[in-house]
C-alpha atoms as a PDB file:
ATOM      1  CA  MET A   1       0.002  -0.002   0.002  1.00  0.00           C
ATOM      2  CA  SER A   2       1.122   3.528  -0.648  1.00  0.00           C
ATOM      3  CA  ASP A   3       0.912   6.371   1.820  1.00  0.00           C
ATOM      4  CA  LEU A   4      -0.544   8.604  -0.890  1.00  0.00           C
ATOM      5  CA  ASP A   5      -3.977   6.989  -1.310  1.00  0.00           C
ATOM      6  CA  PRO A   6      -5.931   6.601   1.957  1.00  0.00           C
ATOM      7  CA  TYR A   7      -8.585   4.484   0.211  1.00  0.00           C
ATOM      8  CA  GLU A   8      -6.148   1.906  -1.136  1.00  0.00           C
ATOM      9  CA  THR A   9      -6.394  -1.459   0.618  1.00  0.00           C
ATOM     10  CA  GLU A  10      -4.315  -4.602   0.672  1.00  0.00           C
ATOM     11  CA  ALA A  11      -6.994  -6.202  -1.513  1.00  0.00           C
ATOM     12  CA  ASP A  12      -6.092  -3.695  -4.241  1.00  0.00           C
ATOM     13  CA  GLU A  13      -2.621  -5.237  -4.377  1.00  0.00           C
ATOM     14  CA  ILE A  14      -3.702  -8.852  -4.777  1.00  0.00           C
ATOM     15  CA  ALA A  15      -2.711 -10.158  -8.195  1.00  0.00           C
ATOM     16  CA  ILE A  16      -5.463 -11.640 -10.320  1.00  0.00           C
ATOM     17  CA  GLU A  17      -4.516 -15.179 -11.391  1.00  0.00           C
ATOM     18  CA  GLN A  18      -5.174 -16.746 -14.754  1.00  0.00           C
ATOM     19  CA  LEU A  19      -6.930 -20.080 -15.023  1.00  0.00           C
ATOM     20  CA  PRO A  20      -5.053 -23.033 -16.507  1.00  0.00           C
ATOM     21  CA  LEU A  21      -7.593 -22.871 -19.381  1.00  0.00           C
ATOM     22  CA  ASP A  22      -7.227 -19.078 -19.835  1.00  0.00           C
ATOM     23  CA  ALA A  23      -5.832 -19.299 -23.379  1.00  0.00           C
ATOM     24  CA  TRP A  24      -8.589 -21.760 -24.346  1.00  0.00           C
ATOM     25  CA  HIS A  25     -11.315 -19.397 -23.092  1.00  0.00           C
ATOM     26  CA  ARG A  26      -9.755 -16.355 -24.820  1.00  0.00           C
ATOM     27  CA  ALA A  27      -9.269 -18.215 -28.119  1.00  0.00           C
ATOM     28  CA  ARG A  28     -13.017 -18.882 -28.122  1.00  0.00           C
ATOM     29  CA  GLY A  29     -13.925 -15.271 -27.424  1.00  0.00           C
ATOM     30  CA  GLY A  30     -14.522 -15.539 -23.685  1.00  0.00           C
ATOM     31  CA  ARG A  31     -15.190 -12.180 -22.018  1.00  0.00           C
ATOM     32  CA  MET A  32     -12.951 -12.376 -18.961  1.00  0.00           C
ATOM     33  CA  VAL A  33     -13.684 -10.607 -15.662  1.00  0.00           C
ATOM     34  CA  PRO A  34     -12.063 -10.794 -12.219  1.00  0.00           C
ATOM     35  CA  PHE A  35     -13.879 -13.215  -9.904  1.00  0.00           C
ATOM     36  CA  ALA A  36     -12.660 -15.050  -6.799  1.00  0.00           C
ATOM     37  CA  GLY A  37      -9.065 -13.953  -7.426  1.00  0.00           C
ATOM     38  CA  CYS A  38      -9.015 -15.255 -11.021  1.00  0.00           C
ATOM     39  CA  GLU A  39      -9.909 -13.936 -14.436  1.00  0.00           C
ATOM     40  CA  MET A  40     -13.036 -15.912 -15.289  1.00  0.00           C
ATOM     41  CA  PRO A  41     -14.990 -16.160 -18.548  1.00  0.00           C
ATOM     42  CA  VAL A  42     -18.513 -14.880 -17.999  1.00  0.00           C
ATOM     43  CA  GLN A  43     -19.790 -14.866 -21.541  1.00  0.00           C
ATOM     44  CA  TYR A  44     -18.867 -15.834 -25.071  1.00  0.00           C
ATOM     45  CA  GLU A  45     -21.440 -15.059 -27.777  1.00  0.00           C
ATOM     46  CA  GLY A  46     -24.263 -13.945 -25.502  1.00  0.00           C
ATOM     47  CA  ILE A  47     -26.760 -15.336 -23.041  1.00  0.00           C
ATOM     48  CA  MET A  48     -29.298 -16.660 -25.565  1.00  0.00           C
ATOM     49  CA  ALA A  49     -26.676 -18.216 -27.865  1.00  0.00           C
ATOM     50  CA  GLU A  50     -25.026 -19.927 -24.894  1.00  0.00           C
ATOM     51  CA  HIS A  51     -28.348 -21.130 -23.514  1.00  0.00           C
ATOM     52  CA  LEU A  52     -29.270 -22.689 -26.853  1.00  0.00           C
ATOM     53  CA  TRP A  53     -25.819 -24.225 -27.278  1.00  0.00           C
ATOM     54  CA  VAL A  54     -25.998 -25.937 -23.865  1.00  0.00           C
ATOM     55  CA  ARG A  55     -29.553 -27.150 -24.491  1.00  0.00           C
ATOM     56  CA  GLU A  56     -28.654 -28.557 -27.944  1.00  0.00           C
ATOM     57  CA  SER A  57     -25.060 -29.700 -27.346  1.00  0.00           C
ATOM     58  CA  ALA A  58     -23.165 -29.438 -24.066  1.00  0.00           C
ATOM     59  CA  GLY A  59     -21.722 -26.909 -21.656  1.00  0.00           C
ATOM     60  CA  LEU A  60     -18.345 -26.576 -19.978  1.00  0.00           C
ATOM     61  CA  PHE A  61     -17.705 -25.067 -16.564  1.00  0.00           C
ATOM     62  CA  ASP A  62     -14.065 -24.503 -15.642  1.00  0.00           C
ATOM     63  CA  VAL A  63     -13.767 -25.433 -11.949  1.00  0.00           C
ATOM     64  CA  SER A  64     -10.022 -24.807 -11.677  1.00  0.00           C
ATOM     65  CA  HIS A  65     -10.644 -21.629  -9.645  1.00  0.00           C
ATOM     66  CA  MET A  66     -12.629 -23.460  -6.993  1.00  0.00           C
ATOM     67  CA  GLY A  67     -11.367 -24.269  -3.518  1.00  0.00           C
ATOM     68  CA  GLN A  68      -8.502 -26.550  -2.837  1.00  0.00           C
ATOM     69  CA  LEU A  69      -7.870 -28.320   0.438  1.00  0.00           C
ATOM     70  CA  LEU A  70      -4.451 -29.194   1.790  1.00  0.00           C
ATOM     71  CA  PHE A  71      -4.426 -31.957   4.394  1.00  0.00           C
ATOM     72  CA  ARG A  72      -1.617 -32.355   6.875  1.00  0.00           C
ATOM     73  CA  SER A  73      -1.443 -35.124   9.420  1.00  0.00           C
ATOM     74  CA  GLU A  74       0.433 -36.177  12.465  1.00  0.00           C
ATOM     75  CA  GLU A  75       2.994 -38.945  12.180  1.00  0.00           C
ATOM     76  CA  GLY A  76       1.277 -42.294  11.701  1.00  0.00           C
ATOM     77  CA  ALA A  77      -2.196 -40.923  10.911  1.00  0.00           C
ATOM     78  CA  ASP A  78      -4.055 -42.713   8.132  1.00  0.00           C
ATOM     79  CA  VAL A  79      -4.932 -39.687   5.973  1.00  0.00           C
ATOM     80  CA  VAL A  80      -6.112 -41.803   3.043  1.00  0.00           C
ATOM     81  CA  ALA A  81      -8.635 -43.661   5.197  1.00  0.00           C
ATOM     82  CA  ALA A  82      -9.873 -40.382   6.693  1.00  0.00           C
ATOM     83  CA  LEU A  83     -10.334 -38.845   3.224  1.00  0.00           C
ATOM     84  CA  GLU A  84     -12.059 -41.919   1.847  1.00  0.00           C
ATOM     85  CA  ALA A  85     -14.498 -41.686   4.758  1.00  0.00           C
ATOM     86  CA  VAL A  86     -15.726 -38.245   3.632  1.00  0.00           C
ATOM     87  CA  LEU A  87     -15.030 -38.195  -0.130  1.00  0.00           C
ATOM     88  CA  PRO A  88     -16.929 -40.360  -2.623  1.00  0.00           C
ATOM     89  CA  ALA A  89     -13.704 -40.693  -4.612  1.00  0.00           C
ATOM     90  CA  ASP A  90     -10.874 -43.201  -4.967  1.00  0.00           C
ATOM     91  CA  VAL A  91      -8.201 -41.474  -2.888  1.00  0.00           C
ATOM     92  CA  ALA A  92      -6.136 -44.617  -2.320  1.00  0.00           C
ATOM     93  CA  GLY A  93      -5.674 -45.074  -6.077  1.00  0.00           C
ATOM     94  CA  LEU A  94      -4.580 -41.487  -6.630  1.00  0.00           C
ATOM     95  CA  GLY A  95      -0.908 -41.118  -7.552  1.00  0.00           C
ATOM     96  CA  GLN A  96       1.613 -38.981  -5.688  1.00  0.00           C
ATOM     97  CA  GLY A  97       1.258 -35.289  -6.574  1.00  0.00           C
ATOM     98  CA  LYS A  98      -2.090 -35.828  -8.333  1.00  0.00           C
ATOM     99  CA  GLN A  99      -5.467 -34.346  -7.580  1.00  0.00           C
ATOM    100  CA  ARG A 100      -9.087 -35.279  -8.038  1.00  0.00           C
ATOM    101  CA  TYR A 101     -12.257 -33.206  -7.970  1.00  0.00           C
ATOM    102  CA  SER A 102     -14.878 -34.608  -5.656  1.00  0.00           C
ATOM    103  CA  LEU A 103     -17.675 -33.733  -3.281  1.00  0.00           C
ATOM    104  CA  CYS A 104     -17.071 -33.377   0.420  1.00  0.00           C
ATOM    105  CA  CYS A 105     -19.918 -35.183   2.157  1.00  0.00           C
ATOM    106  CA  ARG A 106     -21.520 -33.815   5.274  1.00  0.00           C
ATOM    107  CA  ARG A 107     -23.826 -35.401   7.824  1.00  0.00           C
ATOM    108  CA  MET A 108     -27.479 -35.850   6.875  1.00  0.00           C
ATOM    109  CA  ALA A 109     -26.577 -36.553   3.219  1.00  0.00           C
ATOM    110  CA  ALA A 110     -25.919 -32.898   2.331  1.00  0.00           C
ATOM    111  CA  SER A 111     -22.805 -32.135   0.342  1.00  0.00           C
ATOM    112  CA  SER A 112     -20.737 -29.275  -0.942  1.00  0.00           C
ATOM    113  CA  MET A 113     -18.321 -28.978  -3.841  1.00  0.00           C
ATOM    114  CA  THR A 114     -14.618 -29.184  -3.064  1.00  0.00           C
END
């Protein structure tokens, strides 16, 4: 922050990140806007054209900006078993340094995206 602008905040200095698929979105005419710390495509040809395309073909939602969880454990803790207890995903079969998108299950059968 500078001493010259009293309205400047630390949030003003946070760099906006680009998605791994940024070039793909731009090559297809994606209108990019800052959202959740990333430049996100919000529109391509227009709302009606996109609605019809998804109804007649398919849609793509880039989830690479969504939350990531980092798990640390104490020595000897079975992290894989703990994760497999709450994730409906094959964690044990996941290779070192790899990731997998999944849901994080909560009690009473509710869930949230992770």
